[in-house]
C-alpha atoms as a PDB file:
ATOM      1  CA  MET A   1    -131.547 -31.367  53.135  1.00  0.00           C
ATOM      2  CA  PHE A   2    -131.358 -34.069  55.879  1.00  0.00           C
ATOM      3  CA  ILE A   3    -135.506 -34.492  55.311  1.00  0.00           C
ATOM      4  CA  PHE A   4    -135.012 -34.766  51.403  1.00  0.00           C
ATOM      5  CA  LEU A   5    -132.639 -37.466  51.551  1.00  0.00           C
ATOM      6  CA  GLN A   6    -134.586 -39.326  53.819  1.00  0.00           C
ATOM      7  CA  PHE A   7    -137.240 -38.853  51.154  1.00  0.00           C
ATOM      8  CA  LEU A   8    -134.541 -40.113  49.033  1.00  0.00           C
ATOM      9  CA  LEU A   9    -133.769 -42.959  50.979  1.00  0.00           C
ATOM     10  CA  ALA A  10    -137.490 -44.253  51.039  1.00  0.00           C
ATOM     11  CA  HIS A  11    -137.822 -44.294  47.007  1.00  0.00           C
ATOM     12  CA  ILE A  12    -134.455 -45.635  46.278  1.00  0.00           C
ATOM     13  CA  LEU A  13    -135.273 -48.727  48.966  1.00  0.00           C
ATOM     14  CA  GLY A  14    -138.861 -48.822  47.504  1.00  0.00           C
ATOM     15  CA  ASP A  15    -138.353 -48.580  43.907  1.00  0.00           C
ATOM     16  CA  PHE A  16    -134.964 -50.388  43.338  1.00  0.00           C
ATOM     17  CA  VAL A  17    -134.370 -52.691  46.801  1.00  0.00           C
ATOM     18  CA  PHE A  18    -137.651 -54.368  47.429  1.00  0.00           C
ATOM     19  CA  GLN A  19    -139.540 -54.114  43.979  1.00  0.00           C
ATOM     20  CA  PRO A  20    -138.554 -57.679  42.241  1.00  0.00           C
ATOM     21  CA  GLU A  21    -138.680 -58.020  38.255  1.00  0.00           C
ATOM     22  CA  LYS A  22    -142.188 -60.205  38.473  1.00  0.00           C
ATOM     23  CA  TRP A  23    -143.550 -57.204  39.887  1.00  0.00           C
ATOM     24  CA  VAL A  24    -142.417 -54.890  37.092  1.00  0.00           C
ATOM     25  CA  LYS A  25    -144.138 -56.903  34.622  1.00  0.00           C
ATOM     26  CA  ASP A  26    -147.122 -57.805  36.409  1.00  0.00           C
ATOM     27  CA  LYS A  27    -147.570 -53.814  36.394  1.00  0.00           C
ATOM     28  CA  GLU A  28    -146.816 -53.921  32.829  1.00  0.00           C
ATOM     29  CA  GLU A  29    -148.902 -56.152  32.010  1.00  0.00           C
ATOM     30  CA  LYS A  30    -152.359 -55.769  34.026  1.00  0.00           C
ATOM     31  CA  LYS A  31    -151.326 -51.808  35.136  1.00  0.00           C
ATOM     32  CA  ALA A  32    -153.514 -49.914  37.468  1.00  0.00           C
ATOM     33  CA  LYS A  33    -155.532 -53.847  38.086  1.00  0.00           C
ATOM     34  CA  SER A  34    -152.189 -54.943  38.801  1.00  0.00           C
ATOM     35  CA  VAL A  35    -152.027 -56.324  42.685  1.00  0.00           C
ATOM     36  CA  LYS A  36    -148.718 -55.811  42.737  1.00  0.00           C
ATOM     37  CA  LEU A  37    -148.649 -52.124  42.376  1.00  0.00           C
ATOM     38  CA  PHE A  38    -150.652 -51.576  45.439  1.00  0.00           C
ATOM     39  CA  PHE A  39    -147.681 -53.876  47.056  1.00  0.00           C
ATOM     40  CA  HIS A  40    -145.257 -51.599  45.865  1.00  0.00           C
ATOM     41  CA  ILE A  41    -147.145 -48.048  46.969  1.00  0.00           C
ATOM     42  CA  CYS A  42    -147.643 -49.934  50.423  1.00  0.00           C
ATOM     43  CA  ILE A  43    -143.941 -50.828  50.574  1.00  0.00           C
ATOM     44  CA  HIS A  44    -143.310 -46.808  49.883  1.00  0.00           C
ATOM     45  CA  ALA A  45    -145.464 -45.489  52.291  1.00  0.00           C
ATOM     46  CA  VAL A  46    -144.281 -48.289  55.215  1.00  0.00           C
ATOM     47  CA  LEU A  47    -140.819 -47.621  54.645  1.00  0.00           C
ATOM     48  CA  LEU A  48    -141.746 -43.449  54.741  1.00  0.00           C
ATOM     49  CA  LEU A  49    -143.484 -44.264  57.728  1.00  0.00           C
ATOM     50  CA  LEU A  50    -140.480 -46.174  59.467  1.00  0.00           C
ATOM     51  CA  ILE A  51    -137.896 -43.465  58.481  1.00  0.00           C
ATOM     52  CA  PHE A  52    -140.193 -41.086  59.712  1.00  0.00           C
ATOM     53  CA  ILE A  53    -141.321 -42.369  62.930  1.00  0.00           C
ATOM     54  CA  LEU A  54    -140.240 -40.143  65.271  1.00  0.00           C
ATOM     55  CA  ASN A  55    -141.667 -37.106  63.938  1.00  0.00           C
ATOM     56  CA  LEU A  56    -145.232 -38.526  61.921  1.00  0.00           C
ATOM     57  CA  LYS A  57    -147.234 -35.481  63.533  1.00  0.00           C
ATOM     58  CA  GLU A  58    -144.876 -33.252  61.984  1.00  0.00           C
ATOM     59  CA  TYR A  59    -144.435 -35.079  57.911  1.00  0.00           C
ATOM     60  CA  TRP A  60    -147.568 -37.029  57.654  1.00  0.00           C
ATOM     61  CA  LEU A  61    -149.035 -34.845  54.778  1.00  0.00           C
ATOM     62  CA  GLY A  62    -145.485 -34.621  53.243  1.00  0.00           C
ATOM     63  CA  ILE A  63    -145.623 -38.390  53.125  1.00  0.00           C
ATOM     64  CA  LEU A  64    -148.846 -38.501  51.877  1.00  0.00           C
ATOM     65  CA  CYS A  65    -148.023 -36.067  49.233  1.00  0.00           C
ATOM     66  CA  VAL A  66    -145.214 -38.579  48.261  1.00  0.00           C
ATOM     67  CA  VAL A  67    -147.153 -41.893  47.927  1.00  0.00           C
ATOM     68  CA  VAL A  68    -150.245 -40.620  46.248  1.00  0.00           C
ATOM     69  CA  SER A  69    -148.321 -38.786  43.802  1.00  0.00           C
ATOM     70  CA  HIS A  70    -145.572 -41.948  42.931  1.00  0.00           C
ATOM     71  CA  TYR A  71    -148.993 -44.237  41.973  1.00  0.00           C
ATOM     72  CA  PHE A  72    -150.292 -41.849  39.737  1.00  0.00           C
ATOM     73  CA  ILE A  73    -146.966 -40.957  38.362  1.00  0.00           C
ATOM     74  CA  ASP A  74    -146.627 -45.080  38.145  1.00  0.00           C
ATOM     75  CA  ILE A  75    -149.621 -45.187  36.673  1.00  0.00           C
ATOM     76  CA  LEU A  76    -148.999 -42.537  34.034  1.00  0.00           C
ATOM     77  CA  LYS A  77    -145.695 -44.407  32.493  1.00  0.00           C
ATOM     78  CA  LEU A  78    -147.585 -47.727  32.685  1.00  0.00           C
ATOM     79  CA  TYR A  79    -149.909 -45.945  30.205  1.00  0.00           C
ATOM     80  CA  LEU A  80    -148.007 -44.013  28.233  1.00  0.00           C
ATOM     81  CA  GLN A  81    -144.702 -46.163  27.745  1.00  0.00           C
ATOM     82  CA  GLU A  82    -144.375 -48.655  24.852  1.00  0.00           C
ATOM     83  CA  LYS A  83    -141.498 -50.570  24.025  1.00  0.00           C
ATOM     84  CA  LYS A  84    -139.835 -48.493  22.315  1.00  0.00           C
ATOM     85  CA  THR A  85    -139.929 -45.654  24.776  1.00  0.00           C
ATOM     86  CA  LYS A  86    -139.831 -48.250  27.694  1.00  0.00           C
ATOM     87  CA  ARG A  87    -136.204 -46.963  28.563  1.00  0.00           C
ATOM     88  CA  ALA A  88    -137.227 -43.255  28.011  1.00  0.00           C
ATOM     89  CA  TRP A  89    -140.023 -43.257  30.120  1.00  0.00           C
ATOM     90  CA  PHE A  90    -137.761 -45.041  33.238  1.00  0.00           C
ATOM     91  CA  PHE A  91    -136.040 -41.770  33.420  1.00  0.00           C
ATOM     92  CA  ILE A  92    -138.992 -39.868  33.028  1.00  0.00           C
ATOM     93  CA  ASP A  93    -140.251 -41.589  35.740  1.00  0.00           C
ATOM     94  CA  GLN A  94    -137.281 -40.828  38.155  1.00  0.00           C
ATOM     95  CA  ILE A  95    -137.387 -37.455  37.416  1.00  0.00           C
ATOM     96  CA  LEU A  96    -140.592 -36.645  38.322  1.00  0.00           C
ATOM     97  CA  HIS A  97    -140.717 -38.825  41.496  1.00  0.00           C
ATOM     98  CA  VAL A  98    -137.382 -36.964  42.264  1.00  0.00           C
ATOM     99  CA  LEU A  99    -139.346 -33.689  42.065  1.00  0.00           C
ATOM    100  CA  ILE A 100    -141.976 -34.716  43.876  1.00  0.00           C
ATOM    101  CA  LEU A 101    -139.297 -35.281  46.662  1.00  0.00           C
ATOM    102  CA  ILE A 102    -137.828 -31.654  46.345  1.00  0.00           C
ATOM    103  CA  ILE A 103    -141.164 -29.970  46.085  1.00  0.00           C
ATOM    104  CA  THR A 104    -142.526 -31.798  49.460  1.00  0.00           C
ATOM    105  CA  THR A 105    -139.356 -30.660  51.240  1.00  0.00           C
ATOM    106  CA  SER A 106    -139.753 -27.417  50.357  1.00  0.00           C
ATOM    107  CA  PHE A 107    -142.731 -27.485  52.128  1.00  0.00           C
ATOM    108  CA  TYR A 108    -140.304 -28.050  55.457  1.00  0.00           C
ATOM    109  CA  VAL A 109    -137.736 -26.392  55.007  1.00  0.00           C
ATOM    110  CA  ASP A 110    -136.031 -23.959  52.653  1.00  0.00           C
ATOM    111  CA  PHE A 111    -134.578 -26.213  50.239  1.00  0.00           C
ATOM    112  CA  GLN A 112    -133.436 -24.095  47.022  1.00  0.00           C
ATOM    113  CA  ILE A 113    -130.866 -25.402  44.544  1.00  0.00           C
ATOM    114  CA  SER A 114    -128.670 -22.617  43.323  1.00  0.00           C
ATOM    115  CA  THR A 115    -128.020 -22.409  39.826  1.00  0.00           C
ATOM    116  CA  ASP A 116    -125.221 -19.982  40.523  1.00  0.00           C
ATOM    117  CA  LYS A 117    -123.041 -22.482  42.004  1.00  0.00           C
ATOM    118  CA  ILE A 118    -124.064 -25.595  39.648  1.00  0.00           C
ATOM    119  CA  ILE A 119    -123.714 -23.531  36.227  1.00  0.00           C
ATOM    120  CA  THR A 120    -120.013 -22.192  35.947  1.00  0.00           C
ATOM    121  CA  ASP A 121    -117.353 -21.833  33.711  1.00  0.00           C
ATOM    122  CA  LYS A 122    -115.998 -24.996  34.875  1.00  0.00           C
ATOM    123  CA  THR A 123    -119.134 -27.256  34.129  1.00  0.00           C
ATOM    124  CA  LEU A 124    -119.916 -25.823  31.268  1.00  0.00           C
ATOM    125  CA  LEU A 125    -116.218 -26.454  30.193  1.00  0.00           C
ATOM    126  CA  LEU A 126    -116.863 -29.907  31.516  1.00  0.00           C
ATOM    127  CA  LEU A 127    -119.805 -30.237  29.679  1.00  0.00           C
ATOM    128  CA  ILE A 128    -118.781 -28.636  26.431  1.00  0.00           C
ATOM    129  CA  PHE A 129    -115.296 -31.543  26.457  1.00  0.00           C
ATOM    130  CA  LEU A 130    -117.876 -34.750  27.170  1.00  0.00           C
ATOM    131  CA  LEU A 131    -119.912 -33.729  23.819  1.00  0.00           C
ATOM    132  CA  LEU A 132    -116.428 -33.721  22.440  1.00  0.00           C
ATOM    133  CA  VAL A 133    -115.744 -37.246  24.122  1.00  0.00           C
ATOM    134  CA  ILE A 134    -118.918 -38.806  23.232  1.00  0.00           C
ATOM    135  CA  TYR A 135    -120.241 -37.362  20.040  1.00  0.00           C
ATOM    136  CA  VAL A 136    -117.913 -35.380  18.001  1.00  0.00           C
ATOM    137  CA  SER A 137    -115.147 -37.899  18.498  1.00  0.00           C
ATOM    138  CA  ALA A 138    -117.333 -40.402  17.243  1.00  0.00           C
ATOM    139  CA  ILE A 139    -117.550 -38.677  13.549  1.00  0.00           C
ATOM    140  CA  ILE A 140    -114.162 -37.749  13.338  1.00  0.00           C
ATOM    141  CA  ILE A 141    -113.373 -41.634  13.785  1.00  0.00           C
ATOM    142  CA  LYS A 142    -116.069 -42.373  11.648  1.00  0.00           C
ATOM    143  CA  ILE A 143    -114.765 -40.165   8.698  1.00  0.00           C
ATOM    144  CA  ILE A 144    -110.906 -41.293   9.306  1.00  0.00           C
ATOM    145  CA  ILE A 145    -111.581 -45.102   9.342  1.00  0.00           C
ATOM    146  CA  THR A 146    -114.721 -45.215   6.842  1.00  0.00           C
ATOM    147  CA  GLN A 147    -112.481 -45.365   3.768  1.00  0.00           C
ATOM    148  CA  TRP A 148    -110.698 -48.535   5.309  1.00  0.00           C
ATOM    149  CA  ASN A 149    -113.794 -50.397   6.323  1.00  0.00           C
ATOM    150  CA  PRO A 150    -113.166 -53.905   5.316  1.00  0.00           C
ATOM    151  CA  GLU A 151    -116.158 -55.693   6.468  1.00  0.00           C
ATOM    152  CA  LYS A 152    -119.340 -55.386   5.272  1.00  0.00           C
ATOM    153  CA  LYS A 153    -122.620 -56.421   7.626  1.00  0.00           C
ATOM    154  CA  LYS A 154    -123.489 -60.379   7.353  1.00  0.00           C
ATOM    155  CA  GLU A 155    -127.426 -61.081   7.501  1.00  0.00           C
ATOM    156  CA  ASN A 156    -126.212 -63.372  10.308  1.00  0.00           C
ATOM    157  CA  ASP A 157    -124.295 -60.916  12.361  1.00  0.00           C
ATOM    158  CA  ASP A 158    -124.317 -62.046  15.738  1.00  0.00           C
ATOM    159  CA  SER A 159    -123.200 -58.867  17.565  1.00  0.00           C
ATOM    160  CA  LEU A 160    -125.551 -56.491  19.643  1.00  0.00           C
ATOM    161  CA  ALA A 161    -127.298 -53.489  17.643  1.00  0.00           C
ATOM    162  CA  LYS A 162    -125.150 -50.386  18.030  1.00  0.00           C
ATOM    163  CA  ALA A 163    -122.724 -51.732  20.478  1.00  0.00           C
ATOM    164  CA  GLY A 164    -119.543 -50.722  18.985  1.00  0.00           C
ATOM    165  CA  ARG A 165    -121.017 -47.284  18.520  1.00  0.00           C
ATOM    166  CA  TYR A 166    -121.379 -47.817  22.617  1.00  0.00           C
ATOM    167  CA  ILE A 167    -118.283 -49.449  23.429  1.00  0.00           C
ATOM    168  CA  GLY A 168    -116.083 -46.782  21.800  1.00  0.00           C
ATOM    169  CA  ILE A 169    -118.254 -44.100  23.890  1.00  0.00           C
ATOM    170  CA  LEU A 170    -117.854 -45.950  27.171  1.00  0.00           C
ATOM    171  CA  GLU A 171    -114.166 -46.227  26.252  1.00  0.00           C
ATOM    172  CA  ARG A 172    -113.478 -42.696  25.634  1.00  0.00           C
ATOM    173  CA  LEU A 173    -115.180 -41.732  28.497  1.00  0.00           C
ATOM    174  CA  PHE A 174    -113.180 -44.116  30.875  1.00  0.00           C
ATOM    175  CA  VAL A 175    -110.009 -42.321  29.291  1.00  0.00           C
ATOM    176  CA  PHE A 176    -110.851 -38.976  29.456  1.00  0.00           C
ATOM    177  CA  THR A 177    -111.566 -39.709  33.343  1.00  0.00           C
ATOM    178  CA  PHE A 178    -108.154 -41.158  33.954  1.00  0.00           C
ATOM    179  CA  VAL A 179    -106.412 -38.340  32.443  1.00  0.00           C
ATOM    180  CA  ILE A 180    -108.546 -35.117  34.071  1.00  0.00           C
ATOM    181  CA  THR A 181    -107.872 -37.453  37.569  1.00  0.00           C
ATOM    182  CA  ASN A 182    -104.317 -38.217  36.919  1.00  0.00           C
ATOM    183  CA  HIS A 183    -104.882 -42.119  36.484  1.00  0.00           C
ATOM    184  CA  TRP A 184    -102.663 -43.014  33.928  1.00  0.00           C
ATOM    185  CA  GLU A 185    -102.350 -46.491  34.718  1.00  0.00           C
ATOM    186  CA  GLY A 186    -106.094 -47.160  34.258  1.00  0.00           C
ATOM    187  CA  ILE A 187    -105.496 -46.492  30.674  1.00  0.00           C
ATOM    188  CA  GLY A 188    -103.010 -49.062  30.369  1.00  0.00           C
ATOM    189  CA  PHE A 189    -105.578 -51.754  32.619  1.00  0.00           C
ATOM    190  CA  LEU A 190    -108.214 -50.423  29.962  1.00  0.00           C
ATOM    191  CA  LEU A 191    -106.704 -50.758  26.851  1.00  0.00           C
ATOM    192  CA  ALA A 192    -104.963 -54.298  28.042  1.00  0.00           C
ATOM    193  CA  ALA A 193    -108.868 -55.346  28.674  1.00  0.00           C
ATOM    194  CA  LYS A 194    -110.206 -54.391  25.489  1.00  0.00           C
ATOM    195  CA  SER A 195    -107.386 -56.418  23.773  1.00  0.00           C
ATOM    196  CA  VAL A 196    -108.105 -59.384  25.907  1.00  0.00           C
ATOM    197  CA  PHE A 197    -112.114 -59.361  24.700  1.00  0.00           C
ATOM    198  CA  ARG A 198    -110.401 -58.515  20.863  1.00  0.00           C
ATOM    199  CA  PHE A 199    -108.133 -61.146  20.587  1.00  0.00           C
ATOM    200  CA  GLY A 200    -110.532 -64.033  19.453  1.00  0.00           C
ATOM    201  CA  ASP A 201    -112.274 -61.692  16.796  1.00  0.00           C
ATOM    202  CA  LEU A 202    -108.557 -61.697  15.303  1.00  0.00           C
ATOM    203  CA  THR A 203    -106.917 -64.366  15.882  1.00  0.00           C
ATOM    204  CA  SER A 204    -110.302 -66.012  14.059  1.00  0.00           C
ATOM    205  CA  SER A 205    -110.320 -63.237  11.635  1.00  0.00           C
ATOM    206  CA  LYS A 206    -107.729 -64.515   8.633  1.00  0.00           C
ATOM    207  CA  ASP A 207    -108.607 -60.618   7.393  1.00  0.00           C
ATOM    208  CA  ARG A 208    -105.698 -58.585   7.970  1.00  0.00           C
ATOM    209  CA  LYS A 209    -107.285 -55.497   6.778  1.00  0.00           C
ATOM    210  CA  LEU A 210    -109.929 -56.151   9.682  1.00  0.00           C
ATOM    211  CA  THR A 211    -107.083 -56.295  12.222  1.00  0.00           C
ATOM    212  CA  GLU A 212    -105.571 -53.384  11.047  1.00  0.00           C
ATOM    213  CA  TYR A 213    -109.048 -51.390  10.800  1.00  0.00           C
ATOM    214  CA  ILE A 214    -109.838 -52.661  14.355  1.00  0.00           C
ATOM    215  CA  LEU A 215    -106.193 -51.316  15.954  1.00  0.00           C
ATOM    216  CA  ILE A 216    -106.889 -48.117  14.109  1.00  0.00           C
ATOM    217  CA  GLY A 217    -110.456 -47.967  15.688  1.00  0.00           C
ATOM    218  CA  THR A 218    -108.924 -48.274  18.955  1.00  0.00           C
ATOM    219  CA  LEU A 219    -105.865 -45.892  18.502  1.00  0.00           C
ATOM    220  CA  LEU A 220    -107.847 -43.171  17.119  1.00  0.00           C
ATOM    221  CA  SER A 221    -110.793 -43.479  20.384  1.00  0.00           C
ATOM    222  CA  PHE A 222    -107.799 -43.741  22.956  1.00  0.00           C
ATOM    223  CA  GLY A 223    -105.655 -40.802  21.252  1.00  0.00           C
ATOM    224  CA  LEU A 224    -108.769 -38.395  21.041  1.00  0.00           C
ATOM    225  CA  ALA A 225    -109.645 -39.301  24.844  1.00  0.00           C
ATOM    226  CA  VAL A 226    -106.250 -38.824  25.570  1.00  0.00           C
ATOM    227  CA  PHE A 227    -105.693 -35.707  23.622  1.00  0.00           C
ATOM    228  CA  LEU A 228    -109.127 -33.950  24.914  1.00  0.00           C
ATOM    229  CA  GLY A 229    -108.094 -34.860  28.390  1.00  0.00           C
ATOM    230  CA  ILE A 230    -104.931 -32.817  28.307  1.00  0.00           C
ATOM    231  CA  LEU A 231    -106.628 -29.962  27.001  1.00  0.00           C
ATOM    232  CA  TYR A 232    -109.113 -30.004  29.120  1.00  0.00           C
ATOM    233  CA  LEU A 233    -107.018 -29.910  32.011  1.00  0.00           C
ATOM    234  CA  TYR A 234    -104.753 -26.930  30.494  1.00  0.00           C
ATOM    235  CA  ILE A 235    -107.941 -24.799  29.721  1.00  0.00           C
ATOM    236  CA  ILE A 236    -109.074 -25.725  33.571  1.00  0.00           C
ATOM    237  CA  ASN A 237    -106.089 -24.296  34.840  1.00  0.00           C
ATOM    238  CA  LEU A 238    -106.068 -20.911  32.534  1.00  0.00           C
ATOM    239  CA  LEU A 239    -109.856 -20.644  34.605  1.00  0.00           C
END
């Protein structure tokens, strides 16, 4: 595990700490012809050499595999990603890099990840409840409050696309986490923070229906998250 963590440290430093945004843009524009791409790969190589400097004779081949594979994975992403798939390719790129690190580590140590310890009743239950919090709750809230929707979408609406959906998902995840970790005070802080941010919208609007609509949606979102958190704790204690 220690060897894998060393490889992972070099990856995080090279991909996130020592890679400026202008390098990323240059790579996207020039792709394989980008000088910044070669700088990026060289930084990874230097970091790996520094981290494994005391054991270069033993790990030089693994370092070479990681550096070369990093170059080709980056090339693959640069040529296949489009504007719409950029976010997806970011995660694909990172997953491929980590898989290479795992494979390289397995050359030196018996590096195995046992699914028996990962896929258990408790982890499956947590996954189910996360899906309930993220997706099922959103559908339930939408079904309940759609009949009262007081505002129509404006042509010059300056809100972010799908921002309301993601805000709702995040607030339910926070509330659910606060409940299952027994930090109920966090729910109060979250509710207060949302009230502060929403205060401007509510005071600038003279539509009482809009105020009631937002209040119903917020209370439903918080209420469902609290309910699911309590239900999760009850079931987990039965396992």
